[in-house]
Amino acid sequence: MTAPEAPRPPGYATPPGPLPTQPGPPPGPFPPPAGHYAVPPQSGPPFPMSGPPDETPPPARPRRALGLLALGVSVVALLVDVTATLVAIRATDNARAARDLATALGGAAPAPSAGVPAPPVASEPAAGEEPAVPTGEPVDPLDPNATGEPTLTDRTTYTPRYAKEPLTLTVPACNREMAADLDEPRANVNAGMEIVVDKACDIGAPFHASFAGGVDATTGATRDSTPADCVEKIRQAPVGPNATVPLRKSVVLCLTTSYAAAVERGDRWRVALVEVTSTNSDGTVELSATAWDIQ
């Protein structure tokens, strides 16, 4: 038996009864309208709230940077090669200009024949420039290991020192002598001489010339001989050690000064050509001397 319902206060509204259940969708091929039926739960992860997934491609590998670095290294190497080539060309031009200047100062060099190297051209020292001093180095560049007195070759050059300087040597009596220094030149010297003139006591005896130690001489020259001719004649027909040479008019002597004495003095080594221009009954012998510095 149902208990009686308690009395309700005044103004209390009677609540409605349970809501009627909505009928299900009618059968058929069409889906139910949205908003009227419960949505079945999804099986996958919920859709992100920030929007669709980020499709930005990953950053590219640094291949482009490596390519630029290799290109830069190649450019730097090319610039170094070009600079080295330009420096070498400039050095060659400077050497050619120096050679042309030396040729201009010393005179025009003859054109060399085919296959034969041109000999160096002698040049005068510049104003205020001291002449070079023999160093003892071999003159012949083909023999750099030679020692002692330099070897004079066809590549040796000669610079004029003086030309046709007159010298008078006086021998007033027999068994007397007078010496001459052919470096200056100067007569009547007691040191630094190259040639000594004397006269025997025999009646009609000629004057004679002898030569200081270290001096090489020959009688096979002419008044027109060049220094190279003198050197060749000294090689072919030298005056023997301690020998004397009769002096008569037109006799021409060629000699090289003492190399050791030149080095000791700090002076040039020289070639000299001496012509006897006169021998007189008063005991005088007149000479004409020409000399060249050996380069």
C-alpha atoms as a PDB file:
ATOM      1  CA  MET A   1       0.000   0.000   0.000  1.00  0.00           C
ATOM      2  CA  THR A   2       1.397   3.352  -0.957  1.00  0.00           C
ATOM      3  CA  ALA A   3       1.989   5.885   1.806  1.00  0.00           C
ATOM      4  CA  PRO A   4       0.008   9.036   1.488  1.00  0.00           C
ATOM      5  CA  GLU A   5       1.919  11.964  -0.080  1.00  0.00           C
ATOM      6  CA  ALA A   6       2.928  14.642   2.354  1.00  0.00           C
ATOM      7  CA  PRO A   7       1.170  17.940   2.032  1.00  0.00           C
ATOM      8  CA  ARG A   8       3.011  20.565  -0.098  1.00  0.00           C
ATOM      9  CA  PRO A   9       3.555  24.064   0.966  1.00  0.00           C
ATOM     10  CA  PRO A  10       1.521  26.741  -0.685  1.00  0.00           C
ATOM     11  CA  GLY A  11       2.810  27.830  -4.125  1.00  0.00           C
ATOM     12  CA  TYR A  12       4.813  24.704  -4.753  1.00  0.00           C
ATOM     13  CA  ALA A  13       4.655  23.655  -8.373  1.00  0.00           C
ATOM     14  CA  THR A  14       4.305  20.113  -9.184  1.00  0.00           C
ATOM     15  CA  PRO A  15       7.412  18.880 -11.098  1.00  0.00           C
ATOM     16  CA  PRO A  16       6.828  17.457 -14.437  1.00  0.00           C
ATOM     17  CA  GLY A  17       7.122  13.804 -14.920  1.00  0.00           C
ATOM     18  CA  PRO A  18       9.998  12.017 -16.666  1.00  0.00           C
ATOM     19  CA  LEU A  19      10.829  13.209 -20.176  1.00  0.00           C
ATOM     20  CA  PRO A  20       9.643  10.971 -22.894  1.00  0.00           C
ATOM     21  CA  THR A  21      12.339   8.985 -24.620  1.00  0.00           C
ATOM     22  CA  GLN A  22      13.083  10.155 -28.188  1.00  0.00           C
ATOM     23  CA  PRO A  23      12.551   7.546 -30.754  1.00  0.00           C
ATOM     24  CA  GLY A  24      15.649   6.190 -32.668  1.00  0.00           C
ATOM     25  CA  PRO A  25      16.396   7.128 -36.245  1.00  0.00           C
ATOM     26  CA  PRO A  26      14.183   5.631 -38.779  1.00  0.00           C
ATOM     27  CA  PRO A  27      15.681   2.751 -40.656  1.00  0.00           C
ATOM     28  CA  GLY A  28      17.162   3.592 -44.010  1.00  0.00           C
ATOM     29  CA  PRO A  29      20.442   4.285 -45.889  1.00  0.00           C
ATOM     30  CA  PHE A  30      20.799   7.899 -44.723  1.00  0.00           C
ATOM     31  CA  PRO A  31      22.790   8.875 -41.607  1.00  0.00           C
ATOM     32  CA  PRO A  32      20.978  10.512 -38.749  1.00  0.00           C
ATOM     33  CA  PRO A  33      20.971  14.325 -38.622  1.00  0.00           C
ATOM     34  CA  ALA A  34      23.681  16.002 -36.549  1.00  0.00           C
ATOM     35  CA  GLY A  35      22.827  17.134 -33.070  1.00  0.00           C
ATOM     36  CA  HIS A  36      20.113  14.656 -32.432  1.00  0.00           C
ATOM     37  CA  TYR A  37      22.024  11.534 -31.617  1.00  0.00           C
ATOM     38  CA  ALA A  38      25.060  10.660 -29.482  1.00  0.00           C
ATOM     39  CA  VAL A  39      28.437  10.732 -31.205  1.00  0.00           C
ATOM     40  CA  PRO A  40      30.355   7.507 -30.823  1.00  0.00           C
ATOM     41  CA  PRO A  41      33.749   7.802 -29.138  1.00  0.00           C
ATOM     42  CA  GLN A  42      36.822   8.103 -31.447  1.00  0.00           C
ATOM     43  CA  SER A  43      39.409   5.332 -31.361  1.00  0.00           C
ATOM     44  CA  GLY A  44      42.492   7.463 -32.410  1.00  0.00           C
ATOM     45  CA  PRO A  45      44.218  10.371 -30.626  1.00  0.00           C
ATOM     46  CA  PRO A  46      42.297  13.619 -30.463  1.00  0.00           C
ATOM     47  CA  PHE A  47      42.965  16.239 -33.193  1.00  0.00           C
ATOM     48  CA  PRO A  48      45.576  18.794 -31.919  1.00  0.00           C
ATOM     49  CA  MET A  49      44.125  22.088 -30.870  1.00  0.00           C
ATOM     50  CA  SER A  50      46.923  24.131 -32.512  1.00  0.00           C
ATOM     51  CA  GLY A  51      45.875  23.258 -36.024  1.00  0.00           C
ATOM     52  CA  PRO A  52      47.046  20.845 -38.703  1.00  0.00           C
ATOM     53  CA  PRO A  53      50.472  19.109 -38.348  1.00  0.00           C
ATOM     54  CA  ASP A  54      53.626  21.187 -39.211  1.00  0.00           C
ATOM     55  CA  GLU A  55      54.731  20.331 -42.719  1.00  0.00           C
ATOM     56  CA  THR A  56      57.875  22.633 -42.746  1.00  0.00           C
ATOM     57  CA  PRO A  57      60.777  20.689 -44.362  1.00  0.00           C
ATOM     58  CA  PRO A  58      63.879  20.065 -42.194  1.00  0.00           C
ATOM     59  CA  PRO A  59      66.815  22.451 -42.699  1.00  0.00           C
ATOM     60  CA  ALA A  60      69.103  21.581 -45.638  1.00  0.00           C
ATOM     61  CA  ARG A  61      72.517  20.043 -44.955  1.00  0.00           C
ATOM     62  CA  PRO A  62      75.518  22.447 -45.085  1.00  0.00           C
ATOM     63  CA  ARG A  63      76.589  21.264 -48.541  1.00  0.00           C
ATOM     64  CA  ARG A  64      76.265  24.732 -50.031  1.00  0.00           C
ATOM     65  CA  ALA A  65      78.564  26.232 -47.340  1.00  0.00           C
ATOM     66  CA  LEU A  66      81.200  23.562 -47.997  1.00  0.00           C
ATOM     67  CA  GLY A  67      81.043  24.253 -51.727  1.00  0.00           C
ATOM     68  CA  LEU A  68      81.547  27.990 -51.164  1.00  0.00           C
ATOM     69  CA  LEU A  69      84.533  27.288 -48.888  1.00  0.00           C
ATOM     70  CA  ALA A  70      86.183  25.067 -51.520  1.00  0.00           C
ATOM     71  CA  LEU A  71      85.598  27.723 -54.169  1.00  0.00           C
ATOM     72  CA  GLY A  72      87.208  30.366 -51.950  1.00  0.00           C
ATOM     73  CA  VAL A  73      90.306  28.192 -51.371  1.00  0.00           C
ATOM     74  CA  SER A  74      90.653  27.652 -55.124  1.00  0.00           C
ATOM     75  CA  VAL A  75      90.431  31.385 -55.798  1.00  0.00           C
ATOM     76  CA  VAL A  76      93.124  32.138 -53.189  1.00  0.00           C
ATOM     77  CA  ALA A  77      95.462  29.492 -54.679  1.00  0.00           C
ATOM     78  CA  LEU A  78      94.942  30.955 -58.149  1.00  0.00           C
ATOM     79  CA  LEU A  79      95.771  34.455 -56.888  1.00  0.00           C
ATOM     80  CA  VAL A  80      98.980  33.158 -55.257  1.00  0.00           C
ATOM     81  CA  ASP A  81     100.065  31.502 -58.524  1.00  0.00           C
ATOM     82  CA  VAL A  82      99.327  34.655 -60.529  1.00  0.00           C
ATOM     83  CA  THR A  83     101.272  36.800 -58.037  1.00  0.00           C
ATOM     84  CA  ALA A  84     104.299  34.483 -58.169  1.00  0.00           C
ATOM     85  CA  THR A  85     104.251  34.577 -61.967  1.00  0.00           C
ATOM     86  CA  LEU A  86     104.104  38.373 -62.010  1.00  0.00           C
ATOM     87  CA  VAL A  87     107.027  38.599 -59.548  1.00  0.00           C
ATOM     88  CA  ALA A  88     109.120  36.258 -61.709  1.00  0.00           C
ATOM     89  CA  ILE A  89     108.343  38.289 -64.841  1.00  0.00           C
ATOM     90  CA  ARG A  90     109.252  41.524 -63.033  1.00  0.00           C
ATOM     91  CA  ALA A  91     112.578  40.046 -61.842  1.00  0.00           C
ATOM     92  CA  THR A  92     113.398  38.927 -65.397  1.00  0.00           C
ATOM     93  CA  ASP A  93     112.615  42.403 -66.726  1.00  0.00           C
ATOM     94  CA  ASN A  94     114.844  44.012 -64.076  1.00  0.00           C
ATOM     95  CA  ALA A  95     117.735  41.684 -64.928  1.00  0.00           C
ATOM     96  CA  ARG A  96     117.337  42.451 -68.635  1.00  0.00           C
ATOM     97  CA  ALA A  97     117.242  46.179 -67.928  1.00  0.00           C
ATOM     98  CA  ALA A  98     120.418  45.953 -65.810  1.00  0.00           C
ATOM     99  CA  ARG A  99     122.184  44.041 -68.570  1.00  0.00           C
ATOM    100  CA  ASP A 100     121.091  46.583 -71.172  1.00  0.00           C
ATOM    101  CA  LEU A 101     122.325  49.414 -68.945  1.00  0.00           C
ATOM    102  CA  ALA A 102     125.710  47.736 -68.491  1.00  0.00           C
ATOM    103  CA  THR A 103     125.949  47.274 -72.260  1.00  0.00           C
ATOM    104  CA  ALA A 104     125.065  50.920 -72.839  1.00  0.00           C
ATOM    105  CA  LEU A 105     127.736  52.101 -70.390  1.00  0.00           C
ATOM    106  CA  GLY A 106     130.461  49.863 -71.779  1.00  0.00           C
ATOM    107  CA  GLY A 107     129.673  50.135 -75.480  1.00  0.00           C
ATOM    108  CA  ALA A 108     127.626  48.058 -77.863  1.00  0.00           C
ATOM    109  CA  ALA A 109     128.334  44.357 -77.592  1.00  0.00           C
ATOM    110  CA  PRO A 110     128.922  42.436 -80.847  1.00  0.00           C
ATOM    111  CA  ALA A 111     126.188  40.045 -81.845  1.00  0.00           C
ATOM    112  CA  PRO A 112     127.203  36.506 -80.848  1.00  0.00           C
ATOM    113  CA  SER A 113     127.402  33.841 -83.509  1.00  0.00           C
ATOM    114  CA  ALA A 114     125.038  30.909 -83.366  1.00  0.00           C
ATOM    115  CA  GLY A 115     125.836  28.547 -80.529  1.00  0.00           C
ATOM    116  CA  VAL A 116     128.640  30.744 -79.118  1.00  0.00           C
ATOM    117  CA  PRO A 117     127.919  32.777 -75.927  1.00  0.00           C
ATOM    118  CA  ALA A 118     128.719  36.475 -76.120  1.00  0.00           C
ATOM    119  CA  PRO A 119     131.660  37.555 -73.925  1.00  0.00           C
ATOM    120  CA  PRO A 120     130.950  40.081 -71.129  1.00  0.00           C
ATOM    121  CA  VAL A 121     131.458  43.718 -72.000  1.00  0.00           C
ATOM    122  CA  ALA A 122     133.858  45.781 -69.927  1.00  0.00           C
ATOM    123  CA  SER A 123     132.364  48.923 -68.422  1.00  0.00           C
ATOM    124  CA  GLU A 124     133.864  51.984 -66.817  1.00  0.00           C
ATOM    125  CA  PRO A 125     133.178  52.414 -63.076  1.00  0.00           C
ATOM    126  CA  ALA A 126     130.522  55.007 -62.284  1.00  0.00           C
ATOM    127  CA  ALA A 127     131.549  58.448 -61.081  1.00  0.00           C
ATOM    128  CA  GLY A 128     132.630  58.298 -57.450  1.00  0.00           C
ATOM    129  CA  GLU A 129     132.641  54.507 -57.466  1.00  0.00           C
ATOM    130  CA  GLU A 130     135.744  52.709 -56.265  1.00  0.00           C
ATOM    131  CA  PRO A 131     137.062  49.980 -58.557  1.00  0.00           C
ATOM    132  CA  ALA A 132     136.457  46.458 -57.384  1.00  0.00           C
ATOM    133  CA  VAL A 133     139.338  44.715 -55.670  1.00  0.00           C
ATOM    134  CA  PRO A 134     140.448  41.198 -56.649  1.00  0.00           C
ATOM    135  CA  THR A 135     138.938  38.754 -54.216  1.00  0.00           C
ATOM    136  CA  GLY A 136     140.866  35.623 -55.091  1.00  0.00           C
ATOM    137  CA  GLU A 137     137.742  34.042 -56.555  1.00  0.00           C
ATOM    138  CA  PRO A 138     138.353  32.216 -59.843  1.00  0.00           C
ATOM    139  CA  VAL A 139     137.607  34.404 -62.859  1.00  0.00           C
ATOM    140  CA  ASP A 140     136.520  31.458 -64.978  1.00  0.00           C
ATOM    141  CA  PRO A 141     132.872  30.753 -63.995  1.00  0.00           C
ATOM    142  CA  LEU A 142     133.219  27.236 -65.352  1.00  0.00           C
ATOM    143  CA  ASP A 143     135.751  26.403 -62.621  1.00  0.00           C
ATOM    144  CA  PRO A 144     134.211  27.649 -59.339  1.00  0.00           C
ATOM    145  CA  ASN A 145     136.431  25.379 -57.216  1.00  0.00           C
ATOM    146  CA  ALA A 146     139.723  26.805 -58.472  1.00  0.00           C
ATOM    147  CA  THR A 147     142.001  28.401 -55.888  1.00  0.00           C
ATOM    148  CA  GLY A 148     144.998  30.708 -56.025  1.00  0.00           C
ATOM    149  CA  GLU A 149     145.545  33.064 -58.957  1.00  0.00           C
ATOM    150  CA  PRO A 150     142.405  33.393 -61.113  1.00  0.00           C
ATOM    151  CA  THR A 151     142.363  31.819 -64.540  1.00  0.00           C
ATOM    152  CA  LEU A 152     142.056  34.345 -67.377  1.00  0.00           C
ATOM    153  CA  THR A 153     139.709  33.071 -70.086  1.00  0.00           C
ATOM    154  CA  ASP A 154     137.831  34.430 -73.083  1.00  0.00           C
ATOM    155  CA  ARG A 155     135.087  35.424 -70.619  1.00  0.00           C
ATOM    156  CA  THR A 156     137.399  37.708 -68.649  1.00  0.00           C
ATOM    157  CA  THR A 157     136.729  41.405 -69.202  1.00  0.00           C
ATOM    158  CA  TYR A 158     139.205  44.305 -69.125  1.00  0.00           C
ATOM    159  CA  THR A 159     138.664  47.979 -68.343  1.00  0.00           C
ATOM    160  CA  PRO A 160     141.144  50.600 -69.633  1.00  0.00           C
ATOM    161  CA  ARG A 161     143.333  52.014 -66.838  1.00  0.00           C
ATOM    162  CA  TYR A 162     145.519  54.389 -68.870  1.00  0.00           C
ATOM    163  CA  ALA A 163     146.806  54.570 -72.454  1.00  0.00           C
ATOM    164  CA  LYS A 164     150.211  55.393 -74.026  1.00  0.00           C
ATOM    165  CA  GLU A 165     151.706  56.967 -70.919  1.00  0.00           C
ATOM    166  CA  PRO A 166     155.381  57.965 -71.538  1.00  0.00           C
ATOM    167  CA  LEU A 167     158.037  56.726 -69.121  1.00  0.00           C
ATOM    168  CA  THR A 168     161.771  57.491 -69.198  1.00  0.00           C
ATOM    169  CA  LEU A 169     164.132  55.199 -67.300  1.00  0.00           C
ATOM    170  CA  THR A 170     167.721  56.398 -66.927  1.00  0.00           C
ATOM    171  CA  VAL A 171     170.675  54.058 -66.437  1.00  0.00           C
ATOM    172  CA  PRO A 172     173.684  56.416 -66.347  1.00  0.00           C
ATOM    173  CA  ALA A 173     176.334  53.724 -65.933  1.00  0.00           C
ATOM    174  CA  CYS A 174     176.818  50.041 -66.405  1.00  0.00           C
ATOM    175  CA  ASN A 175     175.598  47.698 -63.758  1.00  0.00           C
ATOM    176  CA  ARG A 176     173.029  50.298 -62.694  1.00  0.00           C
ATOM    177  CA  GLU A 177     169.282  49.884 -62.954  1.00  0.00           C
ATOM    178  CA  MET A 178     165.960  51.724 -62.674  1.00  0.00           C
ATOM    179  CA  ALA A 179     162.550  50.269 -62.000  1.00  0.00           C
ATOM    180  CA  ALA A 180     159.027  51.273 -63.054  1.00  0.00           C
ATOM    181  CA  ASP A 181     155.643  50.702 -61.432  1.00  0.00           C
ATOM    182  CA  LEU A 182     153.113  50.007 -64.189  1.00  0.00           C
ATOM    183  CA  ASP A 183     150.073  50.227 -61.875  1.00  0.00           C
ATOM    184  CA  GLU A 184     150.279  54.050 -61.708  1.00  0.00           C
ATOM    185  CA  PRO A 185     152.489  54.312 -63.937  1.00  0.00           C
ATOM    186  CA  ARG A 186     155.668  55.753 -62.364  1.00  0.00           C
ATOM    187  CA  ALA A 187     159.416  55.519 -63.059  1.00  0.00           C
ATOM    188  CA  ASN A 188     162.289  55.306 -60.578  1.00  0.00           C
ATOM    189  CA  VAL A 189     160.533  53.411 -57.792  1.00  0.00           C
ATOM    190  CA  ASN A 190     161.985  51.218 -55.078  1.00  0.00           C
ATOM    191  CA  ALA A 191     158.874  49.163 -54.342  1.00  0.00           C
ATOM    192  CA  GLY A 192     155.846  47.963 -56.229  1.00  0.00           C
ATOM    193  CA  MET A 193     157.781  47.672 -59.491  1.00  0.00           C
ATOM    194  CA  GLU A 194     156.926  45.342 -62.362  1.00  0.00           C
ATOM    195  CA  ILE A 195     159.831  46.000 -64.763  1.00  0.00           C
ATOM    196  CA  VAL A 196     163.530  46.772 -64.111  1.00  0.00           C
ATOM    197  CA  VAL A 197     165.893  48.186 -66.775  1.00  0.00           C
ATOM    198  CA  ASP A 198     169.673  47.767 -66.555  1.00  0.00           C
ATOM    199  CA  LYS A 199     172.764  47.793 -68.776  1.00  0.00           C
ATOM    200  CA  ALA A 200     175.852  45.626 -68.856  1.00  0.00           C
ATOM    201  CA  CYS A 201     179.333  47.088 -68.948  1.00  0.00           C
ATOM    202  CA  ASP A 202     180.302  45.530 -72.280  1.00  0.00           C
ATOM    203  CA  ILE A 203     180.879  48.005 -75.081  1.00  0.00           C
ATOM    204  CA  GLY A 204     177.778  48.260 -77.217  1.00  0.00           C
ATOM    205  CA  ALA A 205     175.786  46.087 -74.823  1.00  0.00           C
ATOM    206  CA  PRO A 206     172.013  46.742 -75.106  1.00  0.00           C
ATOM    207  CA  PHE A 207     169.707  47.643 -72.290  1.00  0.00           C
ATOM    208  CA  HIS A 208     167.902  44.727 -70.701  1.00  0.00           C
ATOM    209  CA  ALA A 209     164.581  44.337 -68.925  1.00  0.00           C
ATOM    210  CA  SER A 210     163.841  41.943 -66.107  1.00  0.00           C
ATOM    211  CA  PHE A 211     160.599  41.444 -64.192  1.00  0.00           C
ATOM    212  CA  ALA A 212     159.592  41.380 -60.529  1.00  0.00           C
ATOM    213  CA  GLY A 213     158.354  38.245 -58.784  1.00  0.00           C
ATOM    214  CA  GLY A 214     154.807  37.247 -59.670  1.00  0.00           C
ATOM    215  CA  VAL A 215     154.924  39.146 -62.997  1.00  0.00           C
ATOM    216  CA  ASP A 216     154.356  37.098 -66.162  1.00  0.00           C
ATOM    217  CA  ALA A 217     155.631  38.594 -69.437  1.00  0.00           C
ATOM    218  CA  THR A 218     156.090  37.900 -73.154  1.00  0.00           C
ATOM    219  CA  THR A 219     157.863  39.506 -76.120  1.00  0.00           C
ATOM    220  CA  GLY A 220     155.419  38.215 -78.716  1.00  0.00           C
ATOM    221  CA  ALA A 221     153.037  41.211 -78.665  1.00  0.00           C
ATOM    222  CA  THR A 222     152.557  44.142 -81.036  1.00  0.00           C
ATOM    223  CA  ARG A 223     151.635  47.762 -80.359  1.00  0.00           C
ATOM    224  CA  ASP A 224     148.046  46.989 -81.382  1.00  0.00           C
ATOM    225  CA  SER A 225     147.638  43.965 -79.130  1.00  0.00           C
ATOM    226  CA  THR A 226     144.530  43.828 -76.973  1.00  0.00           C
ATOM    227  CA  PRO A 227     144.650  42.655 -73.352  1.00  0.00           C
ATOM    228  CA  ALA A 228     143.189  39.328 -74.452  1.00  0.00           C
ATOM    229  CA  ASP A 229     145.979  39.071 -77.068  1.00  0.00           C
ATOM    230  CA  CYS A 230     148.560  39.772 -74.363  1.00  0.00           C
ATOM    231  CA  VAL A 231     147.162  37.073 -72.090  1.00  0.00           C
ATOM    232  CA  GLU A 232     147.200  34.591 -74.975  1.00  0.00           C
ATOM    233  CA  LYS A 233     150.809  35.450 -75.895  1.00  0.00           C
ATOM    234  CA  ILE A 234     151.891  35.101 -72.261  1.00  0.00           C
ATOM    235  CA  ARG A 235     150.324  31.652 -72.243  1.00  0.00           C
ATOM    236  CA  GLN A 236     151.981  30.653 -75.524  1.00  0.00           C
ATOM    237  CA  ALA A 237     155.467  32.216 -75.194  1.00  0.00           C
ATOM    238  CA  PRO A 238     156.237  33.466 -71.680  1.00  0.00           C
ATOM    239  CA  VAL A 239     159.559  34.889 -70.559  1.00  0.00           C
ATOM    240  CA  GLY A 240     161.240  32.348 -68.326  1.00  0.00           C
ATOM    241  CA  PRO A 241     161.910  32.906 -64.602  1.00  0.00           C
ATOM    242  CA  ASN A 242     164.866  35.231 -63.925  1.00  0.00           C
ATOM    243  CA  ALA A 243     165.319  35.788 -67.676  1.00  0.00           C
ATOM    244  CA  THR A 244     166.142  39.177 -69.211  1.00  0.00           C
ATOM    245  CA  VAL A 245     164.891  40.683 -72.453  1.00  0.00           C
ATOM    246  CA  PRO A 246     167.096  42.911 -74.710  1.00  0.00           C
ATOM    247  CA  LEU A 247     165.507  46.311 -75.231  1.00  0.00           C
ATOM    248  CA  ARG A 248     165.697  47.974 -78.635  1.00  0.00           C
ATOM    249  CA  LYS A 249     163.414  50.425 -80.360  1.00  0.00           C
ATOM    250  CA  SER A 250     160.033  48.913 -81.377  1.00  0.00           C
ATOM    251  CA  VAL A 251     160.278  46.005 -78.947  1.00  0.00           C
ATOM    252  CA  VAL A 252     156.828  45.438 -77.404  1.00  0.00           C
ATOM    253  CA  LEU A 253     156.330  43.652 -74.097  1.00  0.00           C
ATOM    254  CA  CYS A 254     153.098  42.350 -72.562  1.00  0.00           C
ATOM    255  CA  LEU A 255     152.822  41.449 -68.903  1.00  0.00           C
ATOM    256  CA  THR A 256     150.391  40.803 -66.077  1.00  0.00           C
ATOM    257  CA  THR A 257     151.118  42.407 -62.721  1.00  0.00           C
ATOM    258  CA  SER A 258     151.552  40.336 -59.573  1.00  0.00           C
ATOM    259  CA  TYR A 259     148.174  39.053 -58.432  1.00  0.00           C
ATOM    260  CA  ALA A 260     149.391  38.408 -54.871  1.00  0.00           C
ATOM    261  CA  ALA A 261     150.778  41.941 -54.586  1.00  0.00           C
ATOM    262  CA  ALA A 262     147.507  43.409 -55.907  1.00  0.00           C
ATOM    263  CA  VAL A 263     145.473  41.513 -53.310  1.00  0.00           C
ATOM    264  CA  GLU A 264     147.868  42.568 -50.557  1.00  0.00           C
ATOM    265  CA  ARG A 265     147.524  46.240 -51.552  1.00  0.00           C
ATOM    266  CA  GLY A 266     143.791  45.990 -52.078  1.00  0.00           C
ATOM    267  CA  ASP A 267     144.320  46.987 -55.697  1.00  0.00           C
ATOM    268  CA  ARG A 268     143.318  45.713 -59.121  1.00  0.00           C
ATOM    269  CA  TRP A 269     145.133  43.001 -61.005  1.00  0.00           C
ATOM    270  CA  ARG A 270     146.219  44.400 -64.390  1.00  0.00           C
ATOM    271  CA  VAL A 271     147.508  43.667 -67.878  1.00  0.00           C
ATOM    272  CA  ALA A 272     150.126  46.090 -69.283  1.00  0.00           C
ATOM    273  CA  LEU A 273     151.544  46.630 -72.767  1.00  0.00           C
ATOM    274  CA  VAL A 274     154.945  48.351 -72.926  1.00  0.00           C
ATOM    275  CA  GLU A 275     156.543  49.588 -76.182  1.00  0.00           C
ATOM    276  CA  VAL A 276     160.183  50.725 -76.381  1.00  0.00           C
ATOM    277  CA  THR A 277     160.064  53.988 -78.315  1.00  0.00           C
ATOM    278  CA  SER A 278     163.770  54.896 -77.982  1.00  0.00           C
ATOM    279  CA  THR A 279     167.100  53.819 -76.479  1.00  0.00           C
ATOM    280  CA  ASN A 280     169.681  56.594 -76.225  1.00  0.00           C
ATOM    281  CA  SER A 281     173.408  56.867 -75.740  1.00  0.00           C
ATOM    282  CA  ASP A 282     172.914  59.010 -72.647  1.00  0.00           C
ATOM    283  CA  GLY A 283     171.632  55.950 -70.824  1.00  0.00           C
ATOM    284  CA  THR A 284     167.909  56.669 -71.161  1.00  0.00           C
ATOM    285  CA  VAL A 285     165.240  54.254 -72.305  1.00  0.00           C
ATOM    286  CA  GLU A 286     161.899  55.738 -73.354  1.00  0.00           C
ATOM    287  CA  LEU A 287     158.774  53.647 -73.008  1.00  0.00           C
ATOM    288  CA  SER A 288     155.067  53.992 -73.851  1.00  0.00           C
ATOM    289  CA  ALA A 289     152.815  52.112 -71.440  1.00  0.00           C
ATOM    290  CA  THR A 290     149.120  51.093 -71.612  1.00  0.00           C
ATOM    291  CA  ALA A 291     147.259  49.145 -68.944  1.00  0.00           C
ATOM    292  CA  TRP A 292     143.866  47.529 -68.322  1.00  0.00           C
ATOM    293  CA  ASP A 293     142.155  46.492 -65.099  1.00  0.00           C
ATOM    294  CA  ILE A 294     141.199  42.807 -65.015  1.00  0.00           C
ATOM    295  CA  GLN A 295     137.567  42.426 -64.030  1.00  0.00           C
END
